[in-house]
Amino acid sequence: MNTTLLIIAAVVVVGLVLYFQYQAHKKKVAAFTALASERGWRYTERDRGLANRFLGTPFGDGHGRDARHVLTGTFRDRPMLAFEYSYKETHGSGDDRRTETYHYTVVSLGLPAPKPTLQVNREGLGRKLLGLVGVRDLQLESEDFNKTFHITTENDRFAYDVLHPRMMEWMLADQRALSTPFRFERGDLVTWDQCKIEVSNVDALLNYLCDVVDRVPSFVWKP
């Protein structure tokens, strides 16, 4: 096969890839538009301002940060936000230079009142908290919980109030808690999953966050 045919073949392959990517994107936009219409939510195809919406994991890394497929509205009577967050990291140099793109599904609920930062995730998983002075690790009374989860907070009293014995018992028994981190950050409870957002995974994350908030004692929200 001569050079001309190789170039033509390469162009055809690239064209097909771009075509199928466009069709997949179109289908995704239609699915989210339909979901938003059905729920009375708002759908925005892209909002780069959300790339700096939160401070901790998975935000703040890399370059080319972006936010797509943004859903806003209410869920179980709480303000909600869901979107696909992405950023890029460039590694190597010269011929070995390569750029990788990382995608996350990010979901949050609005809280009754702003609260100190508290992040809970599986022990050994990402612990990055950006730009937060005074955030530190915390050990609770339950050895099983400490072995399973990693807790970082800027206010011990708030962490103890949220992670009371019944909450810890529930999290140790709930499979979602074993794979789904969460963070109280200012006026939001946020979670994230390293995957592209799909209609099928929004409700599961929203329900988990609602179940967490439902188990927070009501006195926590009082001034």
N, C-alpha and C. Protein backbone atom coordinates (compact mmCIF):
# COMPACT_ATOMS: atom_id res chain seq x y z
N MET A 1 0.86 -1.19 0.00
CA MET A 1 0.00 0.00 0.00
C MET A 1 0.89 1.24 0.00
N ASN A 2 0.68 2.15 -0.95
CA ASN A 2 1.54 3.32 -1.02
C ASN A 2 1.15 4.38 0.00
N THR A 3 1.96 5.41 0.04
CA THR A 3 1.77 6.47 1.04
C THR A 3 0.42 7.16 0.90
N THR A 4 0.00 7.40 -0.34
CA THR A 4 -1.27 8.08 -0.56
C THR A 4 -2.44 7.29 0.01
N LEU A 5 -2.43 5.97 -0.23
CA LEU A 5 -3.51 5.13 0.30
C LEU A 5 -3.49 5.09 1.83
N LEU A 6 -2.29 5.08 2.42
CA LEU A 6 -2.19 5.10 3.88
C LEU A 6 -2.78 6.39 4.45
N ILE A 7 -2.51 7.50 3.79
CA ILE A 7 -3.04 8.79 4.26
C ILE A 7 -4.55 8.80 4.14
N ILE A 8 -5.06 8.29 3.03
CA ILE A 8 -6.52 8.24 2.83
C ILE A 8 -7.17 7.36 3.90
N ALA A 9 -6.56 6.21 4.14
CA ALA A 9 -7.10 5.30 5.16
C ALA A 9 -7.11 5.95 6.53
N ALA A 10 -6.03 6.66 6.86
CA ALA A 10 -5.95 7.34 8.15
C ALA A 10 -7.02 8.41 8.28
N VAL A 11 -7.23 9.16 7.21
CA VAL A 11 -8.24 10.21 7.22
C VAL A 11 -9.63 9.61 7.41
N VAL A 12 -9.90 8.49 6.74
CA VAL A 12 -11.19 7.82 6.85
C VAL A 12 -11.41 7.34 8.29
N VAL A 13 -10.38 6.75 8.88
CA VAL A 13 -10.50 6.24 10.26
C VAL A 13 -10.77 7.39 11.22
N VAL A 14 -10.01 8.47 11.09
CA VAL A 14 -10.21 9.64 11.96
C VAL A 14 -11.61 10.20 11.78
N GLY A 15 -12.05 10.26 10.52
CA GLY A 15 -13.39 10.77 10.23
C GLY A 15 -14.48 9.92 10.87
N LEU A 16 -14.30 8.60 10.83
CA LEU A 16 -15.29 7.70 11.43
C LEU A 16 -15.31 7.84 12.95
N VAL A 17 -14.12 7.96 13.54
CA VAL A 17 -14.05 8.14 14.99
C VAL A 17 -14.76 9.41 15.40
N LEU A 18 -14.49 10.51 14.71
CA LEU A 18 -15.13 11.79 15.03
C LEU A 18 -16.64 11.72 14.83
N TYR A 19 -17.06 11.01 13.78
CA TYR A 19 -18.49 10.88 13.51
C TYR A 19 -19.20 10.13 14.65
N PHE A 20 -18.62 9.01 15.06
CA PHE A 20 -19.25 8.22 16.12
C PHE A 20 -19.20 8.97 17.47
N GLN A 21 -18.12 9.73 17.70
CA GLN A 21 -18.07 10.54 18.92
C GLN A 21 -19.16 11.60 18.90
N TYR A 22 -19.38 12.21 17.75
CA TYR A 22 -20.42 13.24 17.62
C TYR A 22 -21.80 12.63 17.86
N GLN A 23 -22.03 11.45 17.28
CA GLN A 23 -23.32 10.80 17.45
C GLN A 23 -23.56 10.40 18.91
N ALA A 24 -22.51 9.93 19.57
CA ALA A 24 -22.63 9.56 20.98
C ALA A 24 -22.92 10.79 21.84
N HIS A 25 -22.25 11.89 21.52
CA HIS A 25 -22.47 13.13 22.26
C HIS A 25 -23.90 13.63 22.05
N LYS A 26 -24.36 13.56 20.80
CA LYS A 26 -25.73 13.98 20.50
C LYS A 26 -26.76 13.16 21.28
N LYS A 27 -26.51 11.87 21.33
CA LYS A 27 -27.41 10.97 22.05
C LYS A 27 -27.41 11.29 23.54
N LYS A 28 -26.23 11.60 24.08
CA LYS A 28 -26.12 11.92 25.50
C LYS A 28 -26.85 13.22 25.83
N VAL A 29 -26.67 14.23 24.98
CA VAL A 29 -27.36 15.50 25.18
C VAL A 29 -28.87 15.29 25.17
N ALA A 30 -29.36 14.48 24.24
CA ALA A 30 -30.80 14.20 24.16
C ALA A 30 -31.30 13.51 25.42
N ALA A 31 -30.50 12.56 25.94
CA ALA A 31 -30.91 11.82 27.13
C ALA A 31 -30.98 12.74 28.35
N PHE A 32 -30.00 13.62 28.51
CA PHE A 32 -30.01 14.53 29.65
C PHE A 32 -31.07 15.61 29.50
N THR A 33 -31.31 16.04 28.27
CA THR A 33 -32.38 17.02 28.04
C THR A 33 -33.73 16.43 28.41
N ALA A 34 -33.94 15.17 28.05
CA ALA A 34 -35.20 14.49 28.37
C ALA A 34 -35.34 14.30 29.88
N LEU A 35 -34.25 13.91 30.55
CA LEU A 35 -34.30 13.73 32.00
C LEU A 35 -34.63 15.04 32.69
N ALA A 36 -33.98 16.12 32.28
CA ALA A 36 -34.23 17.42 32.89
C ALA A 36 -35.67 17.85 32.69
N SER A 37 -36.21 17.62 31.50
CA SER A 37 -37.59 17.99 31.21
C SER A 37 -38.56 17.18 32.08
N GLU A 38 -38.27 15.92 32.22
CA GLU A 38 -39.13 15.02 33.01
C GLU A 38 -39.14 15.41 34.49
N ARG A 39 -37.97 15.84 35.02
CA ARG A 39 -37.84 16.13 36.44
C ARG A 39 -38.10 17.61 36.78
N GLY A 40 -38.22 18.44 35.77
CA GLY A 40 -38.33 19.87 36.05
C GLY A 40 -36.99 20.47 36.42
N TRP A 41 -35.91 19.86 35.96
CA TRP A 41 -34.56 20.36 36.18
C TRP A 41 -34.12 21.24 35.02
N ARG A 42 -32.96 21.82 35.18
CA ARG A 42 -32.34 22.59 34.10
C ARG A 42 -31.11 21.84 33.60
N TYR A 43 -30.96 21.75 32.28
CA TYR A 43 -29.79 21.10 31.70
C TYR A 43 -28.98 22.12 30.91
N THR A 44 -27.67 22.14 31.15
CA THR A 44 -26.74 22.99 30.41
C THR A 44 -25.63 22.11 29.86
N GLU A 45 -25.39 22.22 28.56
CA GLU A 45 -24.42 21.32 27.94
C GLU A 45 -23.01 21.56 28.44
N ARG A 46 -22.68 22.81 28.78
CA ARG A 46 -21.32 23.11 29.24
C ARG A 46 -21.31 24.35 30.12
N ASP A 47 -20.52 24.30 31.20
CA ASP A 47 -20.38 25.44 32.09
C ASP A 47 -18.99 25.37 32.72
N ARG A 48 -18.02 25.99 32.08
CA ARG A 48 -16.63 25.90 32.55
C ARG A 48 -16.45 26.52 33.93
N GLY A 49 -17.34 27.44 34.33
CA GLY A 49 -17.24 28.04 35.65
C GLY A 49 -17.32 27.03 36.77
N LEU A 50 -18.00 25.91 36.52
CA LEU A 50 -18.12 24.87 37.55
C LEU A 50 -16.82 24.10 37.78
N ALA A 51 -15.86 24.28 36.89
CA ALA A 51 -14.57 23.58 37.04
C ALA A 51 -13.85 24.02 38.31
N ASN A 52 -14.24 25.17 38.86
CA ASN A 52 -13.65 25.65 40.11
C ASN A 52 -14.69 25.73 41.23
N ARG A 53 -15.76 24.98 41.09
CA ARG A 53 -16.88 25.07 42.03
C ARG A 53 -16.51 24.53 43.42
N PHE A 54 -15.70 23.47 43.46
CA PHE A 54 -15.33 22.85 44.73
C PHE A 54 -13.82 22.87 44.90
N LEU A 55 -13.37 22.65 46.13
CA LEU A 55 -11.95 22.80 46.44
C LEU A 55 -11.18 21.49 46.50
N GLY A 56 -11.81 20.45 47.03
CA GLY A 56 -11.08 19.21 47.28
C GLY A 56 -11.12 18.25 46.10
N THR A 57 -10.80 17.00 46.37
CA THR A 57 -10.81 15.94 45.37
C THR A 57 -12.14 15.94 44.61
N PRO A 58 -12.15 15.84 43.28
CA PRO A 58 -11.03 15.68 42.35
C PRO A 58 -10.59 16.99 41.71
N PHE A 59 -10.93 18.11 42.33
CA PHE A 59 -10.67 19.42 41.73
C PHE A 59 -9.26 19.91 42.01
N GLY A 60 -8.80 20.82 41.15
CA GLY A 60 -7.53 21.49 41.38
C GLY A 60 -6.33 20.87 40.69
N ASP A 61 -6.46 19.71 40.11
CA ASP A 61 -5.34 19.07 39.42
C ASP A 61 -5.34 19.44 37.94
N GLY A 62 -4.17 19.27 37.32
CA GLY A 62 -4.06 19.33 35.87
C GLY A 62 -4.40 20.67 35.24
N HIS A 63 -4.75 20.59 33.95
CA HIS A 63 -5.07 21.78 33.17
C HIS A 63 -6.25 21.43 32.25
N GLY A 64 -6.74 22.43 31.54
CA GLY A 64 -7.87 22.18 30.64
C GLY A 64 -9.11 21.72 31.38
N ARG A 65 -9.34 22.25 32.57
CA ARG A 65 -10.48 21.82 33.38
C ARG A 65 -11.80 22.24 32.73
N ASP A 66 -12.77 21.36 32.81
CA ASP A 66 -14.03 21.61 32.11
C ASP A 66 -15.19 20.95 32.86
N ALA A 67 -16.38 21.45 32.61
CA ALA A 67 -17.59 20.88 33.20
C ALA A 67 -18.67 20.80 32.13
N ARG A 68 -19.22 19.62 31.93
CA ARG A 68 -20.22 19.39 30.89
C ARG A 68 -21.42 18.65 31.47
N HIS A 69 -22.49 18.64 30.69
CA HIS A 69 -23.71 17.91 31.04
C HIS A 69 -24.16 18.26 32.46
N VAL A 70 -24.46 19.53 32.65
CA VAL A 70 -24.78 20.06 33.97
C VAL A 70 -26.29 19.98 34.23
N LEU A 71 -26.65 19.38 35.35
CA LEU A 71 -28.04 19.29 35.78
C LEU A 71 -28.21 20.05 37.08
N THR A 72 -29.23 20.90 37.17
CA THR A 72 -29.56 21.59 38.42
C THR A 72 -31.06 21.49 38.66
N GLY A 73 -31.44 21.43 39.93
CA GLY A 73 -32.86 21.33 40.27
C GLY A 73 -33.02 20.93 41.71
N THR A 74 -34.04 20.17 42.00
CA THR A 74 -34.26 19.65 43.36
C THR A 74 -34.44 18.14 43.30
N PHE A 75 -34.00 17.48 44.37
CA PHE A 75 -34.11 16.03 44.48
C PHE A 75 -34.42 15.72 45.93
N ARG A 76 -35.52 15.03 46.16
CA ARG A 76 -35.98 14.74 47.51
C ARG A 76 -36.02 16.03 48.34
N ASP A 77 -36.55 17.05 47.71
CA ASP A 77 -36.76 18.36 48.34
C ASP A 77 -35.47 19.08 48.72
N ARG A 78 -34.37 18.73 48.07
CA ARG A 78 -33.11 19.42 48.33
C ARG A 78 -32.51 19.94 47.03
N PRO A 79 -31.85 21.10 47.06
CA PRO A 79 -31.19 21.60 45.84
C PRO A 79 -30.09 20.63 45.41
N MET A 80 -30.03 20.34 44.12
CA MET A 80 -29.03 19.40 43.62
C MET A 80 -28.26 19.98 42.44
N LEU A 81 -27.08 19.44 42.25
CA LEU A 81 -26.21 19.79 41.13
C LEU A 81 -25.48 18.52 40.71
N ALA A 82 -25.44 18.26 39.40
CA ALA A 82 -24.69 17.11 38.89
C ALA A 82 -24.04 17.51 37.58
N PHE A 83 -22.80 17.08 37.38
CA PHE A 83 -22.13 17.39 36.12
C PHE A 83 -20.93 16.47 35.91
N GLU A 84 -20.41 16.50 34.69
CA GLU A 84 -19.20 15.74 34.37
C GLU A 84 -18.01 16.70 34.40
N TYR A 85 -17.08 16.41 35.27
CA TYR A 85 -15.87 17.23 35.41
C TYR A 85 -14.70 16.52 34.75
N SER A 86 -13.85 17.27 34.07
CA SER A 86 -12.68 16.67 33.45
C SER A 86 -11.49 17.60 33.54
N TYR A 87 -10.32 17.01 33.55
CA TYR A 87 -9.08 17.79 33.47
C TYR A 87 -8.03 16.94 32.74
N LYS A 88 -6.95 17.60 32.34
CA LYS A 88 -5.90 16.92 31.58
C LYS A 88 -4.58 17.01 32.33
N GLU A 89 -3.76 15.99 32.15
CA GLU A 89 -2.41 15.99 32.68
C GLU A 89 -1.46 15.60 31.56
N THR A 90 -0.38 16.35 31.41
CA THR A 90 0.62 16.07 30.38
C THR A 90 1.85 15.48 31.03
N HIS A 91 2.32 14.37 30.49
CA HIS A 91 3.46 13.65 31.06
C HIS A 91 4.55 13.50 30.00
N GLY A 92 5.79 13.39 30.46
CA GLY A 92 6.90 13.14 29.56
C GLY A 92 7.28 14.36 28.75
N SER A 93 8.19 14.15 27.81
CA SER A 93 8.65 15.23 26.94
C SER A 93 9.10 14.66 25.61
N GLY A 94 9.24 15.53 24.63
CA GLY A 94 9.68 15.10 23.31
C GLY A 94 8.74 14.09 22.69
N ASP A 95 9.30 13.03 22.12
CA ASP A 95 8.49 12.00 21.49
C ASP A 95 7.65 11.21 22.50
N ASP A 96 8.06 11.24 23.77
CA ASP A 96 7.33 10.51 24.81
C ASP A 96 6.24 11.36 25.47
N ARG A 97 6.06 12.58 25.02
CA ARG A 97 5.07 13.47 25.60
C ARG A 97 3.66 12.97 25.30
N ARG A 98 2.83 12.88 26.31
CA ARG A 98 1.46 12.41 26.12
C ARG A 98 0.54 13.15 27.08
N THR A 99 -0.70 13.31 26.67
CA THR A 99 -1.70 13.99 27.49
C THR A 99 -2.85 13.04 27.77
N GLU A 100 -3.19 12.90 29.04
CA GLU A 100 -4.30 12.05 29.45
C GLU A 100 -5.43 12.92 29.99
N THR A 101 -6.66 12.51 29.70
CA THR A 101 -7.84 13.22 30.20
C THR A 101 -8.54 12.35 31.23
N TYR A 102 -8.89 12.95 32.35
CA TYR A 102 -9.56 12.25 33.44
C TYR A 102 -10.99 12.79 33.57
N HIS A 103 -11.94 11.88 33.70
CA HIS A 103 -13.36 12.26 33.78
C HIS A 103 -13.95 11.82 35.11
N TYR A 104 -14.78 12.69 35.69
CA TYR A 104 -15.45 12.39 36.95
C TYR A 104 -16.92 12.78 36.87
N THR A 105 -17.75 11.98 37.49
CA THR A 105 -19.13 12.38 37.76
C THR A 105 -19.14 13.06 39.13
N VAL A 106 -19.64 14.29 39.17
CA VAL A 106 -19.69 15.05 40.42
C VAL A 106 -21.15 15.36 40.73
N VAL A 107 -21.56 15.08 41.96
CA VAL A 107 -22.94 15.32 42.38
C VAL A 107 -22.91 16.00 43.74
N SER A 108 -23.79 16.98 43.94
CA SER A 108 -23.84 17.64 45.24
C SER A 108 -25.27 17.99 45.62
N LEU A 109 -25.46 18.14 46.93
CA LEU A 109 -26.73 18.59 47.50
C LEU A 109 -26.48 19.88 48.27
N GLY A 110 -27.42 20.81 48.21
CA GLY A 110 -27.36 21.99 49.05
C GLY A 110 -27.77 21.64 50.46
N LEU A 111 -27.03 22.14 51.44
CA LEU A 111 -27.29 21.83 52.85
C LEU A 111 -28.15 22.92 53.50
N PRO A 112 -28.80 22.59 54.62
CA PRO A 112 -29.61 23.59 55.32
C PRO A 112 -28.80 24.78 55.82
N ALA A 113 -27.48 24.57 56.06
CA ALA A 113 -26.62 25.65 56.54
C ALA A 113 -25.17 25.31 56.19
N PRO A 114 -24.33 26.32 55.94
CA PRO A 114 -22.90 26.05 55.68
C PRO A 114 -22.25 25.40 56.90
N LYS A 115 -21.36 24.46 56.65
CA LYS A 115 -20.72 23.75 57.75
C LYS A 115 -19.22 23.57 57.47
N PRO A 116 -18.43 23.24 58.50
CA PRO A 116 -16.99 23.03 58.28
C PRO A 116 -16.73 21.86 57.33
N THR A 117 -15.54 21.84 56.80
CA THR A 117 -15.15 20.77 55.89
C THR A 117 -15.01 19.45 56.63
N LEU A 118 -15.61 18.42 56.05
CA LEU A 118 -15.48 17.06 56.58
C LEU A 118 -15.52 16.12 55.38
N GLN A 119 -14.45 15.37 55.18
CA GLN A 119 -14.40 14.40 54.08
C GLN A 119 -14.23 13.00 54.63
N VAL A 120 -15.03 12.07 54.09
CA VAL A 120 -14.96 10.67 54.48
C VAL A 120 -14.82 9.83 53.22
N ASN A 121 -13.78 9.03 53.15
CA ASN A 121 -13.59 8.13 52.01
C ASN A 121 -12.91 6.85 52.49
N ARG A 122 -12.91 5.85 51.63
CA ARG A 122 -12.29 4.58 52.00
C ARG A 122 -10.83 4.79 52.35
N GLU A 123 -10.36 4.12 53.37
CA GLU A 123 -8.97 4.19 53.77
C GLU A 123 -8.09 3.79 52.58
N GLY A 124 -7.09 4.60 52.30
CA GLY A 124 -6.16 4.31 51.21
C GLY A 124 -6.51 4.97 49.90
N LEU A 125 -7.71 5.57 49.79
CA LEU A 125 -8.09 6.25 48.56
C LEU A 125 -7.75 7.73 48.67
N GLY A 126 -8.08 8.50 47.61
CA GLY A 126 -7.67 9.90 47.52
C GLY A 126 -8.04 10.72 48.74
N ARG A 127 -7.07 11.50 49.22
CA ARG A 127 -7.28 12.29 50.43
C ARG A 127 -7.04 13.77 50.21
N LYS A 128 -6.84 14.19 49.01
CA LYS A 128 -6.44 15.56 48.74
C LYS A 128 -7.52 16.56 49.11
N LEU A 129 -7.13 17.54 49.90
CA LEU A 129 -8.01 18.65 50.23
C LEU A 129 -7.25 19.94 49.92
N LEU A 130 -7.74 20.70 48.96
CA LEU A 130 -6.99 21.84 48.46
C LEU A 130 -7.36 23.14 49.15
N GLY A 131 -6.36 23.94 49.45
CA GLY A 131 -6.59 25.29 49.92
C GLY A 131 -7.37 25.39 51.21
N LEU A 132 -7.31 24.36 52.04
CA LEU A 132 -8.09 24.36 53.27
C LEU A 132 -7.15 24.33 54.47
N VAL A 133 -7.01 25.46 55.13
CA VAL A 133 -6.11 25.57 56.27
C VAL A 133 -6.77 24.92 57.49
N GLY A 134 -5.99 24.13 58.21
CA GLY A 134 -6.50 23.53 59.44
C GLY A 134 -7.20 22.21 59.26
N VAL A 135 -7.29 21.70 58.05
CA VAL A 135 -7.92 20.39 57.84
C VAL A 135 -6.93 19.31 58.26
N ARG A 136 -7.40 18.34 59.04
CA ARG A 136 -6.50 17.32 59.57
C ARG A 136 -7.23 15.98 59.68
N ASP A 137 -6.43 14.95 59.86
CA ASP A 137 -6.98 13.60 60.02
C ASP A 137 -7.63 13.46 61.40
N LEU A 138 -8.60 12.57 61.45
CA LEU A 138 -9.33 12.34 62.71
C LEU A 138 -9.56 10.85 62.91
N GLN A 139 -9.40 10.39 64.14
CA GLN A 139 -9.72 9.02 64.51
C GLN A 139 -10.95 9.02 65.41
N LEU A 140 -11.89 8.12 65.16
CA LEU A 140 -13.10 8.03 65.97
C LEU A 140 -12.99 6.85 66.93
N GLU A 141 -14.03 6.66 67.74
CA GLU A 141 -13.98 5.62 68.75
C GLU A 141 -14.09 4.21 68.18
N SER A 142 -14.69 4.09 67.00
CA SER A 142 -14.87 2.77 66.38
C SER A 142 -13.61 2.36 65.62
N GLU A 143 -12.97 1.30 66.08
CA GLU A 143 -11.77 0.81 65.39
C GLU A 143 -12.12 0.30 63.99
N ASP A 144 -13.27 -0.36 63.85
CA ASP A 144 -13.69 -0.87 62.55
C ASP A 144 -13.88 0.28 61.57
N PHE A 145 -14.47 1.37 62.04
CA PHE A 145 -14.68 2.51 61.17
C PHE A 145 -13.34 3.14 60.77
N ASN A 146 -12.45 3.28 61.73
CA ASN A 146 -11.13 3.87 61.44
C ASN A 146 -10.33 3.02 60.47
N LYS A 147 -10.49 1.70 60.56
CA LYS A 147 -9.77 0.82 59.64
C LYS A 147 -10.34 0.88 58.23
N THR A 148 -11.63 1.17 58.14
CA THR A 148 -12.33 1.15 56.85
C THR A 148 -12.31 2.50 56.16
N PHE A 149 -12.44 3.57 56.93
CA PHE A 149 -12.58 4.91 56.36
C PHE A 149 -11.47 5.83 56.81
N HIS A 150 -11.23 6.84 55.97
CA HIS A 150 -10.30 7.89 56.32
C HIS A 150 -11.09 9.18 56.49
N ILE A 151 -10.89 9.85 57.61
CA ILE A 151 -11.67 11.05 57.94
C ILE A 151 -10.74 12.25 58.02
N THR A 152 -11.07 13.32 57.30
CA THR A 152 -10.35 14.58 57.42
C THR A 152 -11.35 15.67 57.70
N THR A 153 -11.00 16.56 58.62
CA THR A 153 -11.94 17.59 59.03
C THR A 153 -11.20 18.83 59.51
N GLU A 154 -11.88 19.95 59.49
CA GLU A 154 -11.34 21.17 60.08
C GLU A 154 -12.06 21.50 61.39
N ASN A 155 -12.99 20.64 61.80
CA ASN A 155 -13.73 20.88 63.04
C ASN A 155 -14.12 19.53 63.65
N ASP A 156 -13.42 19.14 64.70
CA ASP A 156 -13.66 17.82 65.30
C ASP A 156 -15.10 17.67 65.80
N ARG A 157 -15.64 18.73 66.42
CA ARG A 157 -16.99 18.65 66.98
C ARG A 157 -18.01 18.33 65.89
N PHE A 158 -17.88 18.99 64.75
CA PHE A 158 -18.80 18.74 63.63
C PHE A 158 -18.66 17.30 63.16
N ALA A 159 -17.44 16.81 63.05
CA ALA A 159 -17.22 15.42 62.61
C ALA A 159 -17.86 14.43 63.58
N TYR A 160 -17.70 14.66 64.89
CA TYR A 160 -18.30 13.76 65.87
C TYR A 160 -19.83 13.80 65.79
N ASP A 161 -20.38 14.99 65.57
CA ASP A 161 -21.84 15.11 65.48
C ASP A 161 -22.39 14.37 64.27
N VAL A 162 -21.70 14.47 63.14
CA VAL A 162 -22.16 13.81 61.91
C VAL A 162 -21.92 12.30 61.98
N LEU A 163 -20.73 11.93 62.41
CA LEU A 163 -20.35 10.52 62.42
C LEU A 163 -20.63 9.91 63.79
N HIS A 164 -21.88 9.98 64.17
CA HIS A 164 -22.31 9.40 65.44
C HIS A 164 -22.38 7.87 65.30
N PRO A 165 -22.53 7.14 66.39
CA PRO A 165 -22.49 5.67 66.33
C PRO A 165 -23.45 5.05 65.31
N ARG A 166 -24.67 5.57 65.20
CA ARG A 166 -25.63 4.98 64.25
C ARG A 166 -25.21 5.26 62.81
N MET A 167 -24.64 6.44 62.56
CA MET A 167 -24.15 6.75 61.22
C MET A 167 -22.99 5.81 60.86
N MET A 168 -22.07 5.62 61.78
CA MET A 168 -20.93 4.74 61.50
C MET A 168 -21.40 3.31 61.26
N GLU A 169 -22.34 2.85 62.07
CA GLU A 169 -22.87 1.49 61.89
C GLU A 169 -23.52 1.34 60.52
N TRP A 170 -24.29 2.34 60.11
CA TRP A 170 -24.95 2.30 58.81
C TRP A 170 -23.93 2.30 57.67
N MET A 171 -22.90 3.14 57.77
CA MET A 171 -21.90 3.22 56.71
C MET A 171 -21.10 1.93 56.57
N LEU A 172 -20.81 1.29 57.68
CA LEU A 172 -20.07 0.03 57.63
C LEU A 172 -20.89 -1.08 56.99
N ALA A 173 -22.22 -0.96 57.04
CA ALA A 173 -23.10 -2.00 56.50
C ALA A 173 -23.59 -1.68 55.09
N ASP A 174 -23.47 -0.43 54.66
CA ASP A 174 -24.01 -0.01 53.36
C ASP A 174 -22.93 -0.07 52.29
N GLN A 175 -23.17 -0.87 51.25
CA GLN A 175 -22.17 -1.05 50.20
C GLN A 175 -21.85 0.25 49.47
N ARG A 176 -22.79 1.16 49.40
CA ARG A 176 -22.52 2.43 48.73
C ARG A 176 -21.45 3.22 49.47
N ALA A 177 -21.54 3.21 50.80
CA ALA A 177 -20.57 3.95 51.60
C ALA A 177 -19.16 3.40 51.43
N LEU A 178 -19.06 2.10 51.16
CA LEU A 178 -17.75 1.48 51.02
C LEU A 178 -17.06 1.84 49.72
N SER A 179 -17.80 2.43 48.78
CA SER A 179 -17.21 2.79 47.49
C SER A 179 -17.44 4.24 47.10
N THR A 180 -18.22 4.99 47.90
CA THR A 180 -18.60 6.34 47.51
C THR A 180 -18.17 7.35 48.57
N PRO A 181 -17.18 8.19 48.28
CA PRO A 181 -16.75 9.19 49.25
C PRO A 181 -17.74 10.34 49.34
N PHE A 182 -17.65 11.12 50.38
CA PHE A 182 -18.42 12.36 50.42
C PHE A 182 -17.64 13.42 51.18
N ARG A 183 -18.01 14.68 50.92
CA ARG A 183 -17.35 15.78 51.60
C ARG A 183 -18.37 16.89 51.88
N PHE A 184 -18.46 17.29 53.13
CA PHE A 184 -19.17 18.51 53.48
C PHE A 184 -18.22 19.66 53.18
N GLU A 185 -18.64 20.54 52.30
CA GLU A 185 -17.78 21.65 51.90
C GLU A 185 -18.61 22.92 51.81
N ARG A 186 -18.41 23.81 52.76
CA ARG A 186 -19.20 25.03 52.84
C ARG A 186 -20.69 24.68 52.90
N GLY A 187 -21.47 25.08 51.93
CA GLY A 187 -22.91 24.83 51.99
C GLY A 187 -23.37 23.63 51.20
N ASP A 188 -22.46 22.70 50.88
CA ASP A 188 -22.80 21.56 50.04
C ASP A 188 -22.29 20.25 50.62
N LEU A 189 -22.95 19.18 50.25
CA LEU A 189 -22.44 17.83 50.45
C LEU A 189 -22.17 17.28 49.06
N VAL A 190 -20.92 16.94 48.79
CA VAL A 190 -20.52 16.56 47.44
C VAL A 190 -19.92 15.17 47.41
N THR A 191 -20.15 14.46 46.30
CA THR A 191 -19.51 13.18 46.06
C THR A 191 -19.02 13.13 44.63
N TRP A 192 -18.18 12.15 44.33
CA TRP A 192 -17.59 12.06 42.99
C TRP A 192 -17.25 10.61 42.68
N ASP A 193 -17.23 10.31 41.40
CA ASP A 193 -16.90 8.97 40.93
C ASP A 193 -16.08 9.11 39.65
N GLN A 194 -15.00 8.37 39.53
CA GLN A 194 -14.12 8.53 38.37
C GLN A 194 -14.71 7.80 37.16
N CYS A 195 -15.64 8.46 36.52
CA CYS A 195 -16.27 7.94 35.31
C CYS A 195 -17.04 9.08 34.65
N LYS A 196 -17.36 8.92 33.39
CA LYS A 196 -18.18 9.91 32.70
C LYS A 196 -19.60 9.84 33.24
N ILE A 197 -20.25 10.99 33.27
CA ILE A 197 -21.61 11.03 33.79
C ILE A 197 -22.58 10.35 32.81
N GLU A 198 -23.52 9.61 33.36
CA GLU A 198 -24.57 8.97 32.58
C GLU A 198 -25.89 9.19 33.32
N VAL A 199 -26.97 9.16 32.56
CA VAL A 199 -28.29 9.29 33.19
C VAL A 199 -28.47 8.24 34.28
N SER A 200 -27.94 7.07 34.05
CA SER A 200 -28.15 5.95 34.97
C SER A 200 -27.42 6.09 36.30
N ASN A 201 -26.40 6.95 36.40
CA ASN A 201 -25.67 6.99 37.68
C ASN A 201 -25.98 8.23 38.51
N VAL A 202 -26.78 9.14 38.00
CA VAL A 202 -27.09 10.37 38.75
C VAL A 202 -27.96 10.07 39.96
N ASP A 203 -29.05 9.35 39.77
CA ASP A 203 -29.98 9.08 40.87
C ASP A 203 -29.32 8.31 42.01
N ALA A 204 -28.48 7.35 41.67
CA ALA A 204 -27.85 6.54 42.71
C ALA A 204 -26.99 7.41 43.63
N LEU A 205 -26.22 8.32 43.05
CA LEU A 205 -25.37 9.20 43.86
C LEU A 205 -26.21 10.21 44.65
N LEU A 206 -27.26 10.74 44.03
CA LEU A 206 -28.12 11.67 44.74
C LEU A 206 -28.82 10.99 45.92
N ASN A 207 -29.31 9.78 45.71
CA ASN A 207 -29.98 9.06 46.79
C ASN A 207 -29.03 8.78 47.94
N TYR A 208 -27.80 8.43 47.62
CA TYR A 208 -26.82 8.17 48.67
C TYR A 208 -26.57 9.43 49.49
N LEU A 209 -26.37 10.57 48.83
CA LEU A 209 -26.14 11.82 49.57
C LEU A 209 -27.35 12.18 50.43
N CYS A 210 -28.55 12.00 49.88
CA CYS A 210 -29.76 12.27 50.67
C CYS A 210 -29.82 11.36 51.90
N ASP A 211 -29.45 10.11 51.74
CA ASP A 211 -29.47 9.18 52.87
C ASP A 211 -28.46 9.59 53.94
N VAL A 212 -27.32 10.14 53.51
CA VAL A 212 -26.34 10.65 54.47
C VAL A 212 -26.93 11.82 55.25
N VAL A 213 -27.47 12.81 54.51
CA VAL A 213 -28.02 14.00 55.16
C VAL A 213 -29.17 13.64 56.09
N ASP A 214 -29.99 12.68 55.70
CA ASP A 214 -31.13 12.26 56.54
C ASP A 214 -30.67 11.74 57.90
N ARG A 215 -29.44 11.25 57.97
CA ARG A 215 -28.94 10.67 59.21
C ARG A 215 -28.14 11.66 60.06
N VAL A 216 -28.01 12.87 59.55
CA VAL A 216 -27.35 13.92 60.35
C VAL A 216 -28.37 14.49 61.34
N PRO A 217 -28.07 14.53 62.63
CA PRO A 217 -29.01 15.06 63.62
C PRO A 217 -29.44 16.48 63.29
N SER A 218 -30.68 16.79 63.53
CA SER A 218 -31.22 18.11 63.17
C SER A 218 -30.52 19.25 63.91
N PHE A 219 -30.03 18.99 65.13
CA PHE A 219 -29.38 20.08 65.87
C PHE A 219 -28.10 20.58 65.19
N VAL A 220 -27.54 19.76 64.30
CA VAL A 220 -26.31 20.14 63.61
C VAL A 220 -26.52 21.39 62.76
N TRP A 221 -27.73 21.55 62.23
CA TRP A 221 -27.99 22.65 61.30
C TRP A 221 -28.36 23.94 62.01
N LYS A 222 -28.52 23.89 63.34
CA LYS A 222 -28.90 25.10 64.07
C LYS A 222 -27.68 25.99 64.30
N PRO A 223 -27.86 27.30 64.31
CA PRO A 223 -26.73 28.23 64.54
C PRO A 223 -26.05 27.97 65.87
